[in-house]
C-alpha atoms as a PDB file:
ATOM      1  CA  UNK A   1       0.004  -0.004   0.002  1.00  0.00           C
ATOM      2  CA  UNK A   2       1.189   3.540  -0.483  1.00  0.00           C
ATOM      3  CA  UNK A   3       3.003   4.941   2.530  1.00  0.00           C
ATOM      4  CA  UNK A   4       0.801   8.048   2.646  1.00  0.00           C
ATOM      5  CA  UNK A   5      -2.302   5.856   2.962  1.00  0.00           C
ATOM      6  CA  UNK A   6      -0.720   3.782   5.731  1.00  0.00           C
ATOM      7  CA  UNK A   7       0.203   6.967   7.609  1.00  0.00           C
ATOM      8  CA  UNK A   8      -3.339   8.319   7.278  1.00  0.00           C
ATOM      9  CA  UNK A   9      -4.923   5.098   8.540  1.00  0.00           C
ATOM     10  CA  UNK A  10      -2.467   5.063  11.450  1.00  0.00           C
ATOM     11  CA  UNK A  11      -3.468   8.614  12.405  1.00  0.00           C
ATOM     12  CA  UNK A  12      -7.146   7.615  12.410  1.00  0.00           C
ATOM     13  CA  UNK A  13      -6.689   4.690  14.793  1.00  0.00           C
ATOM     14  CA  UNK A  14      -6.849   5.525  18.511  1.00  0.00           C
ATOM     15  CA  UNK A  15      -3.795   3.418  19.317  1.00  0.00           C
ATOM     16  CA  UNK A  16      -2.389   3.175  15.836  1.00  0.00           C
ATOM     17  CA  UNK A  17       1.281   2.489  15.273  1.00  0.00           C
ATOM     18  CA  UNK A  18       3.002   2.316  11.925  1.00  0.00           C
ATOM     19  CA  UNK A  19       6.027   0.122  11.597  1.00  0.00           C
ATOM     20  CA  UNK A  20       7.609  -0.759   8.274  1.00  0.00           C
ATOM     21  CA  UNK A  21      10.155  -3.282   7.127  1.00  0.00           C
ATOM     22  CA  UNK A  22      11.657  -1.937   3.886  1.00  0.00           C
ATOM     23  CA  UNK A  23      12.158  -4.549   1.218  1.00  0.00           C
ATOM     24  CA  UNK A  24       9.981  -7.204   2.835  1.00  0.00           C
ATOM     25  CA  UNK A  25       6.589  -6.353   1.255  1.00  0.00           C
ATOM     26  CA  UNK A  26       4.047  -8.822   2.671  1.00  0.00           C
ATOM     27  CA  UNK A  27       6.636 -11.316   3.861  1.00  0.00           C
ATOM     28  CA  UNK A  28       7.598  -9.826   7.230  1.00  0.00           C
ATOM     29  CA  UNK A  29       6.797 -13.039   9.155  1.00  0.00           C
ATOM     30  CA  UNK A  30       9.274 -14.918   6.968  1.00  0.00           C
ATOM     31  CA  UNK A  31      11.841 -12.149   6.393  1.00  0.00           C
ATOM     32  CA  UNK A  32      12.127 -10.948  10.009  1.00  0.00           C
ATOM     33  CA  UNK A  33      10.124 -13.107  12.430  1.00  0.00           C
ATOM     34  CA  UNK A  34      12.113 -11.936  15.462  1.00  0.00           C
ATOM     35  CA  UNK A  35      11.647  -8.275  14.520  1.00  0.00           C
ATOM     36  CA  UNK A  36       7.922  -8.791  14.021  1.00  0.00           C
ATOM     37  CA  UNK A  37       7.618 -10.569  17.375  1.00  0.00           C
ATOM     38  CA  UNK A  38       9.484  -7.706  19.051  1.00  0.00           C
ATOM     39  CA  UNK A  39       7.211  -5.111  17.433  1.00  0.00           C
ATOM     40  CA  UNK A  40       4.098  -7.008  18.501  1.00  0.00           C
ATOM     41  CA  UNK A  41       5.439  -7.407  22.034  1.00  0.00           C
ATOM     42  CA  UNK A  42       6.122  -3.662  22.261  1.00  0.00           C
ATOM     43  CA  UNK A  43       2.634  -2.856  20.980  1.00  0.00           C
ATOM     44  CA  UNK A  44       0.892  -5.248  23.375  1.00  0.00           C
ATOM     45  CA  UNK A  45       2.939  -3.912  26.287  1.00  0.00           C
ATOM     46  CA  UNK A  46       1.880  -0.339  25.468  1.00  0.00           C
ATOM     47  CA  UNK A  47      -1.831  -0.989  25.015  1.00  0.00           C
ATOM     48  CA  UNK A  48      -2.146  -3.494  27.858  1.00  0.00           C
ATOM     49  CA  UNK A  49      -1.821  -0.759  30.494  1.00  0.00           C
END
């Protein structure tokens, strides 16, 4: 998706966070599983308060 659209959607979400992995397209779980797990852990830790 275009970056501008992703940024706009992120701004509209109450707890939205935008994180990108350049060069991975839709394959983040395969290209960087540890990085994705870390990002999800950070997000859950922030919104779980």
